[in-house]
Amino acid sequence: MVNKKQQYQDLSKFNVPKGFRGKSKFIVQIWWIIEKTLFAMSPQFFYGWRRFLLRSFGAKIGKNVILNTACIIEHECEISDSVHIAPGAVLAGNVFVGERSFIGANSVVMQGVKIGKDVIIGAGSVVISDVPDGKKIVGNPSRFI
């Protein structure tokens, strides 16, 4: 029997950014209510409605962004033009996503991570560090392919 050393995700590189919540406690609570009702329950084709709600709470959302149902976009995120965020994907606070990138279903991008242009993040990936332009990453923990 081969004894394989189990590998666990190394979180020593992860830092919670200053201004963790970004907004006052009141605004954060209001956003959570709106996110769980008006944002999450909106029909699939309401991309413009979801962009409007995010912009109303301070997110910077580019043109032609597709925010699918059940995705979660937290405070202080910036999403560039022509980005597609699949259902169930989570962008924790203060995430930057470069142009023409794709974030797969049920992926998690941790706080403060910067995703470059033309990046593809596979479904179910957990991203804890910055991703340079043009890369493809998959897995938990995420790795380049």
N, C-alpha and C. Protein backbone atom coordinates (compact mmCIF):
# COMPACT_ATOMS: atom_id res chain seq x y z
N MET A 1 0.84 -1.18 0.00
CA MET A 1 0.00 0.00 0.00
C MET A 1 0.88 1.24 0.00
N VAL A 2 0.62 2.14 -0.92
CA VAL A 2 1.40 3.36 -1.04
C VAL A 2 0.88 4.39 -0.05
N ASN A 3 1.80 4.97 0.71
CA ASN A 3 1.43 5.99 1.69
C ASN A 3 1.58 7.36 1.05
N LYS A 4 0.49 7.99 0.69
CA LYS A 4 0.53 9.31 0.06
C LYS A 4 0.28 10.37 1.12
N LYS A 5 1.10 11.38 1.09
CA LYS A 5 0.90 12.50 2.02
C LYS A 5 -0.29 13.32 1.54
N GLN A 6 -1.25 13.53 2.43
CA GLN A 6 -2.42 14.33 2.06
C GLN A 6 -2.02 15.78 1.86
N GLN A 7 -2.61 16.42 0.85
CA GLN A 7 -2.33 17.81 0.59
C GLN A 7 -3.53 18.66 0.99
N TYR A 8 -3.26 19.73 1.67
CA TYR A 8 -4.30 20.66 2.06
C TYR A 8 -3.98 22.03 1.48
N GLN A 9 -5.00 22.83 1.34
CA GLN A 9 -4.82 24.15 0.77
C GLN A 9 -4.04 25.03 1.74
N ASP A 10 -2.98 25.65 1.27
CA ASP A 10 -2.14 26.52 2.08
C ASP A 10 -2.74 27.91 2.09
N LEU A 11 -3.27 28.33 3.22
CA LEU A 11 -3.89 29.65 3.34
C LEU A 11 -2.93 30.68 3.90
N SER A 12 -1.67 30.34 4.04
CA SER A 12 -0.71 31.28 4.61
C SER A 12 -0.51 32.51 3.72
N LYS A 13 -0.81 32.40 2.43
CA LYS A 13 -0.64 33.52 1.51
C LYS A 13 -1.86 34.44 1.47
N PHE A 14 -2.96 33.98 2.06
CA PHE A 14 -4.21 34.76 2.01
C PHE A 14 -4.23 35.81 3.11
N ASN A 15 -4.54 37.04 2.73
CA ASN A 15 -4.67 38.14 3.68
C ASN A 15 -6.03 38.80 3.51
N VAL A 16 -6.67 39.11 4.61
CA VAL A 16 -7.93 39.85 4.55
C VAL A 16 -7.57 41.32 4.31
N PRO A 17 -8.09 41.93 3.25
CA PRO A 17 -7.74 43.31 2.95
C PRO A 17 -8.27 44.29 4.00
N LYS A 18 -7.59 45.43 4.08
CA LYS A 18 -8.07 46.49 4.97
C LYS A 18 -9.43 46.96 4.48
N GLY A 19 -10.27 47.44 5.39
CA GLY A 19 -11.61 47.83 5.00
C GLY A 19 -12.42 46.62 4.57
N PHE A 20 -12.29 45.53 5.30
CA PHE A 20 -12.86 44.23 4.96
C PHE A 20 -14.28 44.32 4.41
N ARG A 21 -15.16 45.05 5.04
CA ARG A 21 -16.54 45.16 4.59
C ARG A 21 -16.74 46.28 3.58
N GLY A 22 -15.89 47.27 3.58
CA GLY A 22 -15.98 48.32 2.59
C GLY A 22 -17.02 49.39 2.87
N LYS A 23 -18.14 49.03 3.41
CA LYS A 23 -19.24 49.97 3.68
C LYS A 23 -19.65 49.85 5.14
N SER A 24 -20.56 50.73 5.56
CA SER A 24 -21.05 50.68 6.94
C SER A 24 -21.84 49.39 7.16
N LYS A 25 -21.98 49.01 8.43
CA LYS A 25 -22.74 47.80 8.77
C LYS A 25 -24.16 47.87 8.24
N PHE A 26 -24.76 49.04 8.30
CA PHE A 26 -26.14 49.22 7.83
C PHE A 26 -26.24 48.93 6.33
N ILE A 27 -25.36 49.52 5.54
CA ILE A 27 -25.38 49.32 4.09
C ILE A 27 -25.13 47.85 3.75
N VAL A 28 -24.21 47.21 4.47
CA VAL A 28 -23.92 45.80 4.23
C VAL A 28 -25.16 44.95 4.50
N GLN A 29 -25.87 45.24 5.59
CA GLN A 29 -27.09 44.49 5.91
C GLN A 29 -28.17 44.69 4.84
N ILE A 30 -28.34 45.92 4.38
CA ILE A 30 -29.32 46.21 3.32
C ILE A 30 -28.94 45.43 2.05
N TRP A 31 -27.64 45.44 1.70
CA TRP A 31 -27.21 44.70 0.51
C TRP A 31 -27.52 43.22 0.66
N TRP A 32 -27.25 42.63 1.81
CA TRP A 32 -27.51 41.20 1.99
C TRP A 32 -28.99 40.88 1.77
N ILE A 33 -29.86 41.75 2.23
CA ILE A 33 -31.30 41.53 2.03
C ILE A 33 -31.64 41.60 0.54
N ILE A 34 -31.12 42.64 -0.12
CA ILE A 34 -31.39 42.81 -1.56
C ILE A 34 -30.77 41.66 -2.36
N GLU A 35 -29.55 41.27 -2.00
CA GLU A 35 -28.86 40.21 -2.72
C GLU A 35 -29.63 38.89 -2.64
N LYS A 36 -30.19 38.59 -1.48
CA LYS A 36 -30.91 37.33 -1.30
C LYS A 36 -32.33 37.36 -1.89
N THR A 37 -32.85 38.53 -2.20
CA THR A 37 -34.21 38.62 -2.73
C THR A 37 -34.20 39.12 -4.17
N LEU A 38 -34.05 40.41 -4.36
CA LEU A 38 -34.16 41.01 -5.70
C LEU A 38 -33.07 40.54 -6.66
N PHE A 39 -31.87 40.33 -6.16
CA PHE A 39 -30.75 39.93 -7.02
C PHE A 39 -30.82 38.44 -7.33
N ALA A 40 -30.83 37.61 -6.30
CA ALA A 40 -30.76 36.15 -6.49
C ALA A 40 -32.00 35.56 -7.15
N MET A 41 -33.15 36.15 -6.89
CA MET A 41 -34.40 35.58 -7.43
C MET A 41 -34.79 36.13 -8.79
N SER A 42 -33.99 37.03 -9.34
CA SER A 42 -34.35 37.59 -10.64
C SER A 42 -34.16 36.52 -11.73
N PRO A 43 -35.02 36.54 -12.75
CA PRO A 43 -34.93 35.53 -13.83
C PRO A 43 -33.59 35.56 -14.55
N GLN A 44 -33.28 34.47 -15.20
CA GLN A 44 -31.99 34.29 -15.89
C GLN A 44 -31.63 35.46 -16.81
N PHE A 45 -32.59 35.99 -17.54
CA PHE A 45 -32.29 37.01 -18.56
C PHE A 45 -32.22 38.43 -18.01
N PHE A 46 -32.30 38.63 -16.71
CA PHE A 46 -32.26 39.96 -16.09
C PHE A 46 -30.82 40.42 -15.80
N TYR A 47 -29.93 40.28 -16.76
CA TYR A 47 -28.54 40.67 -16.56
C TYR A 47 -28.42 42.16 -16.22
N GLY A 48 -29.16 42.99 -16.94
CA GLY A 48 -29.12 44.43 -16.71
C GLY A 48 -29.59 44.80 -15.31
N TRP A 49 -30.62 44.13 -14.83
CA TRP A 49 -31.15 44.37 -13.48
C TRP A 49 -30.09 44.06 -12.44
N ARG A 50 -29.39 42.94 -12.56
CA ARG A 50 -28.35 42.58 -11.60
C ARG A 50 -27.19 43.56 -11.65
N ARG A 51 -26.82 44.00 -12.86
CA ARG A 51 -25.75 45.01 -12.97
C ARG A 51 -26.17 46.31 -12.29
N PHE A 52 -27.43 46.72 -12.49
CA PHE A 52 -27.95 47.94 -11.87
C PHE A 52 -27.88 47.85 -10.34
N LEU A 53 -28.33 46.73 -9.77
CA LEU A 53 -28.31 46.58 -8.31
C LEU A 53 -26.88 46.65 -7.77
N LEU A 54 -25.95 45.99 -8.42
CA LEU A 54 -24.56 46.03 -7.96
C LEU A 54 -23.97 47.43 -8.05
N ARG A 55 -24.22 48.10 -9.16
CA ARG A 55 -23.72 49.48 -9.30
C ARG A 55 -24.31 50.40 -8.25
N SER A 56 -25.57 50.17 -7.87
CA SER A 56 -26.23 50.99 -6.85
C SER A 56 -25.54 50.88 -5.50
N PHE A 57 -24.86 49.77 -5.26
CA PHE A 57 -24.17 49.57 -3.99
C PHE A 57 -22.66 49.73 -4.12
N GLY A 58 -22.20 50.33 -5.21
CA GLY A 58 -20.80 50.72 -5.33
C GLY A 58 -19.90 49.81 -6.14
N ALA A 59 -20.41 48.71 -6.67
CA ALA A 59 -19.56 47.84 -7.49
C ALA A 59 -19.32 48.51 -8.84
N LYS A 60 -18.16 48.29 -9.40
CA LYS A 60 -17.83 48.81 -10.73
C LYS A 60 -18.01 47.67 -11.73
N ILE A 61 -19.04 47.80 -12.56
CA ILE A 61 -19.39 46.74 -13.51
C ILE A 61 -19.26 47.28 -14.92
N GLY A 62 -18.49 46.59 -15.77
CA GLY A 62 -18.28 47.03 -17.14
C GLY A 62 -19.45 46.73 -18.06
N LYS A 63 -19.22 46.96 -19.35
CA LYS A 63 -20.25 46.71 -20.37
C LYS A 63 -20.29 45.24 -20.72
N ASN A 64 -21.48 44.77 -21.13
CA ASN A 64 -21.69 43.40 -21.61
C ASN A 64 -21.29 42.33 -20.60
N VAL A 65 -21.45 42.63 -19.33
CA VAL A 65 -21.15 41.65 -18.28
C VAL A 65 -22.37 40.76 -18.08
N ILE A 66 -22.15 39.46 -18.00
CA ILE A 66 -23.23 38.51 -17.73
C ILE A 66 -23.07 38.00 -16.31
N LEU A 67 -24.06 38.30 -15.48
CA LEU A 67 -24.10 37.83 -14.10
C LEU A 67 -25.25 36.85 -14.00
N ASN A 68 -24.94 35.58 -14.03
CA ASN A 68 -25.99 34.57 -14.00
C ASN A 68 -26.66 34.49 -12.64
N THR A 69 -27.79 33.82 -12.61
CA THR A 69 -28.54 33.67 -11.37
C THR A 69 -27.69 32.91 -10.34
N ALA A 70 -27.96 33.21 -9.10
CA ALA A 70 -27.32 32.57 -7.95
C ALA A 70 -25.84 32.87 -7.81
N CYS A 71 -25.29 33.78 -8.61
CA CYS A 71 -23.92 34.19 -8.36
C CYS A 71 -23.95 35.20 -7.20
N ILE A 72 -22.86 35.27 -6.47
CA ILE A 72 -22.78 36.19 -5.33
C ILE A 72 -21.59 37.11 -5.56
N ILE A 73 -21.88 38.40 -5.61
CA ILE A 73 -20.85 39.41 -5.80
C ILE A 73 -20.84 40.28 -4.54
N GLU A 74 -19.75 40.23 -3.80
CA GLU A 74 -19.68 40.98 -2.55
C GLU A 74 -19.16 42.40 -2.79
N HIS A 75 -18.96 43.13 -1.73
CA HIS A 75 -18.60 44.55 -1.73
C HIS A 75 -17.29 44.84 -2.45
N GLU A 76 -17.20 46.06 -2.98
CA GLU A 76 -15.98 46.62 -3.56
C GLU A 76 -15.40 45.82 -4.72
N CYS A 77 -16.22 45.07 -5.44
CA CYS A 77 -15.71 44.31 -6.58
C CYS A 77 -15.69 45.19 -7.83
N GLU A 78 -14.76 44.90 -8.71
CA GLU A 78 -14.68 45.58 -10.00
C GLU A 78 -14.63 44.52 -11.09
N ILE A 79 -15.61 44.59 -11.99
CA ILE A 79 -15.73 43.60 -13.06
C ILE A 79 -15.64 44.35 -14.39
N SER A 80 -14.64 44.00 -15.18
CA SER A 80 -14.40 44.70 -16.45
C SER A 80 -15.38 44.25 -17.53
N ASP A 81 -15.22 44.82 -18.73
CA ASP A 81 -16.12 44.56 -19.85
C ASP A 81 -16.10 43.09 -20.29
N SER A 82 -17.26 42.61 -20.75
CA SER A 82 -17.44 41.31 -21.39
C SER A 82 -17.01 40.13 -20.52
N VAL A 83 -17.25 40.22 -19.24
CA VAL A 83 -16.97 39.13 -18.31
C VAL A 83 -18.23 38.29 -18.15
N HIS A 84 -18.06 36.99 -18.02
CA HIS A 84 -19.19 36.08 -17.79
C HIS A 84 -18.96 35.39 -16.45
N ILE A 85 -19.93 35.56 -15.55
CA ILE A 85 -19.88 34.90 -14.25
C ILE A 85 -21.03 33.89 -14.20
N ALA A 86 -20.66 32.63 -14.10
CA ALA A 86 -21.62 31.52 -14.20
C ALA A 86 -22.44 31.37 -12.91
N PRO A 87 -23.52 30.58 -12.97
CA PRO A 87 -24.37 30.39 -11.79
C PRO A 87 -23.61 29.83 -10.60
N GLY A 88 -23.90 30.38 -9.43
CA GLY A 88 -23.32 29.89 -8.19
C GLY A 88 -21.92 30.36 -7.89
N ALA A 89 -21.30 31.12 -8.80
CA ALA A 89 -19.95 31.61 -8.54
C ALA A 89 -19.99 32.68 -7.44
N VAL A 90 -18.93 32.74 -6.66
CA VAL A 90 -18.85 33.70 -5.56
C VAL A 90 -17.60 34.54 -5.74
N LEU A 91 -17.78 35.87 -5.75
CA LEU A 91 -16.66 36.80 -5.71
C LEU A 91 -16.71 37.47 -4.35
N ALA A 92 -15.76 37.12 -3.49
CA ALA A 92 -15.71 37.74 -2.17
C ALA A 92 -15.29 39.20 -2.36
N GLY A 93 -15.25 39.97 -1.33
CA GLY A 93 -15.01 41.41 -1.44
C GLY A 93 -13.70 41.80 -2.07
N ASN A 94 -13.72 42.95 -2.70
CA ASN A 94 -12.52 43.59 -3.25
C ASN A 94 -11.84 42.73 -4.32
N VAL A 95 -12.60 42.09 -5.18
CA VAL A 95 -12.07 41.26 -6.26
C VAL A 95 -12.09 42.08 -7.55
N PHE A 96 -11.03 41.97 -8.34
CA PHE A 96 -10.96 42.60 -9.65
C PHE A 96 -10.97 41.49 -10.70
N VAL A 97 -11.81 41.64 -11.73
CA VAL A 97 -11.87 40.67 -12.83
C VAL A 97 -11.60 41.41 -14.13
N GLY A 98 -10.57 40.98 -14.87
CA GLY A 98 -10.18 41.62 -16.12
C GLY A 98 -11.12 41.29 -17.27
N GLU A 99 -10.98 42.03 -18.35
CA GLU A 99 -11.84 41.91 -19.53
C GLU A 99 -11.87 40.48 -20.10
N ARG A 100 -13.05 40.11 -20.60
CA ARG A 100 -13.27 38.87 -21.33
C ARG A 100 -12.93 37.61 -20.53
N SER A 101 -12.99 37.69 -19.23
CA SER A 101 -12.72 36.52 -18.40
C SER A 101 -14.01 35.75 -18.14
N PHE A 102 -13.85 34.47 -17.80
CA PHE A 102 -14.99 33.61 -17.49
C PHE A 102 -14.74 32.96 -16.14
N ILE A 103 -15.74 33.04 -15.27
CA ILE A 103 -15.66 32.40 -13.95
C ILE A 103 -16.72 31.31 -13.92
N GLY A 104 -16.28 30.06 -13.81
CA GLY A 104 -17.15 28.89 -13.92
C GLY A 104 -18.11 28.73 -12.76
N ALA A 105 -19.10 27.89 -12.99
CA ALA A 105 -20.16 27.63 -12.01
C ALA A 105 -19.58 27.16 -10.68
N ASN A 106 -20.13 27.69 -9.61
CA ASN A 106 -19.78 27.31 -8.23
C ASN A 106 -18.31 27.53 -7.89
N SER A 107 -17.64 28.42 -8.60
CA SER A 107 -16.27 28.78 -8.26
C SER A 107 -16.29 29.82 -7.14
N VAL A 108 -15.19 29.89 -6.40
CA VAL A 108 -15.05 30.88 -5.33
C VAL A 108 -13.76 31.64 -5.57
N VAL A 109 -13.86 32.97 -5.62
CA VAL A 109 -12.69 33.82 -5.73
C VAL A 109 -12.59 34.59 -4.42
N MET A 110 -11.52 34.34 -3.67
CA MET A 110 -11.37 34.91 -2.33
C MET A 110 -11.09 36.41 -2.37
N GLN A 111 -11.23 37.05 -1.23
CA GLN A 111 -11.09 38.49 -1.13
C GLN A 111 -9.73 38.99 -1.58
N GLY A 112 -9.77 40.12 -2.28
CA GLY A 112 -8.55 40.80 -2.69
C GLY A 112 -7.85 40.21 -3.89
N VAL A 113 -8.38 39.16 -4.49
CA VAL A 113 -7.74 38.51 -5.64
C VAL A 113 -7.98 39.32 -6.90
N LYS A 114 -6.95 39.38 -7.75
CA LYS A 114 -7.05 40.05 -9.04
C LYS A 114 -6.96 39.00 -10.14
N ILE A 115 -8.01 38.97 -10.98
CA ILE A 115 -8.08 38.05 -12.11
C ILE A 115 -7.73 38.85 -13.36
N GLY A 116 -6.78 38.39 -14.14
CA GLY A 116 -6.35 39.11 -15.32
C GLY A 116 -7.34 39.03 -16.48
N LYS A 117 -6.93 39.59 -17.62
CA LYS A 117 -7.75 39.56 -18.84
C LYS A 117 -7.71 38.16 -19.45
N ASP A 118 -8.83 37.79 -20.10
CA ASP A 118 -8.91 36.53 -20.86
C ASP A 118 -8.59 35.30 -20.02
N VAL A 119 -8.98 35.30 -18.77
CA VAL A 119 -8.75 34.18 -17.86
C VAL A 119 -9.98 33.27 -17.86
N ILE A 120 -9.76 31.97 -17.78
CA ILE A 120 -10.85 31.01 -17.63
C ILE A 120 -10.64 30.28 -16.30
N ILE A 121 -11.67 30.36 -15.45
CA ILE A 121 -11.65 29.66 -14.17
C ILE A 121 -12.66 28.53 -14.27
N GLY A 122 -12.19 27.31 -14.12
CA GLY A 122 -13.05 26.14 -14.25
C GLY A 122 -14.08 26.03 -13.14
N ALA A 123 -15.14 25.31 -13.40
CA ALA A 123 -16.23 25.13 -12.44
C ALA A 123 -15.71 24.54 -11.13
N GLY A 124 -16.20 25.08 -10.03
CA GLY A 124 -15.86 24.56 -8.71
C GLY A 124 -14.48 24.91 -8.21
N SER A 125 -13.77 25.79 -8.89
CA SER A 125 -12.42 26.16 -8.47
C SER A 125 -12.46 27.10 -7.28
N VAL A 126 -11.41 27.06 -6.47
CA VAL A 126 -11.24 27.99 -5.36
C VAL A 126 -9.95 28.75 -5.61
N VAL A 127 -10.08 30.07 -5.83
CA VAL A 127 -8.95 30.91 -6.22
C VAL A 127 -8.56 31.77 -5.02
N ILE A 128 -7.31 31.58 -4.54
CA ILE A 128 -6.87 32.34 -3.37
C ILE A 128 -5.74 33.31 -3.68
N SER A 129 -5.23 33.28 -4.92
CA SER A 129 -4.15 34.21 -5.28
C SER A 129 -4.41 34.77 -6.68
N ASP A 130 -3.71 35.83 -7.01
CA ASP A 130 -3.90 36.52 -8.29
C ASP A 130 -3.63 35.58 -9.47
N VAL A 131 -4.35 35.85 -10.58
CA VAL A 131 -4.21 35.04 -11.79
C VAL A 131 -3.79 35.98 -12.93
N PRO A 132 -2.63 35.71 -13.56
CA PRO A 132 -2.18 36.58 -14.65
C PRO A 132 -3.05 36.46 -15.90
N ASP A 133 -2.90 37.40 -16.81
CA ASP A 133 -3.66 37.43 -18.07
C ASP A 133 -3.50 36.12 -18.84
N GLY A 134 -4.62 35.70 -19.46
CA GLY A 134 -4.61 34.59 -20.41
C GLY A 134 -4.45 33.20 -19.83
N LYS A 135 -4.54 33.03 -18.54
CA LYS A 135 -4.34 31.72 -17.92
C LYS A 135 -5.66 30.97 -17.76
N LYS A 136 -5.55 29.64 -17.64
CA LYS A 136 -6.69 28.77 -17.33
C LYS A 136 -6.36 28.08 -16.02
N ILE A 137 -7.32 28.11 -15.08
CA ILE A 137 -7.08 27.46 -13.80
C ILE A 137 -8.29 26.60 -13.42
N VAL A 138 -8.01 25.53 -12.69
CA VAL A 138 -9.06 24.61 -12.23
C VAL A 138 -8.68 24.08 -10.87
N GLY A 139 -9.68 23.55 -10.17
CA GLY A 139 -9.43 22.76 -8.97
C GLY A 139 -9.54 23.50 -7.66
N ASN A 140 -9.44 22.70 -6.61
CA ASN A 140 -9.47 23.20 -5.24
C ASN A 140 -8.36 22.51 -4.48
N PRO A 141 -7.25 23.19 -4.24
CA PRO A 141 -6.96 24.58 -4.58
C PRO A 141 -6.71 24.72 -6.08
N SER A 142 -6.95 25.92 -6.59
CA SER A 142 -6.80 26.12 -8.04
C SER A 142 -5.34 26.00 -8.46
N ARG A 143 -5.18 25.51 -9.70
CA ARG A 143 -3.86 25.37 -10.28
C ARG A 143 -3.97 25.66 -11.77
N PHE A 144 -2.85 26.06 -12.36
CA PHE A 144 -2.84 26.39 -13.78
C PHE A 144 -2.82 25.11 -14.62
N ILE A 145 -3.50 25.18 -15.78
CA ILE A 145 -3.43 24.05 -16.71
C ILE A 145 -2.91 24.55 -18.04
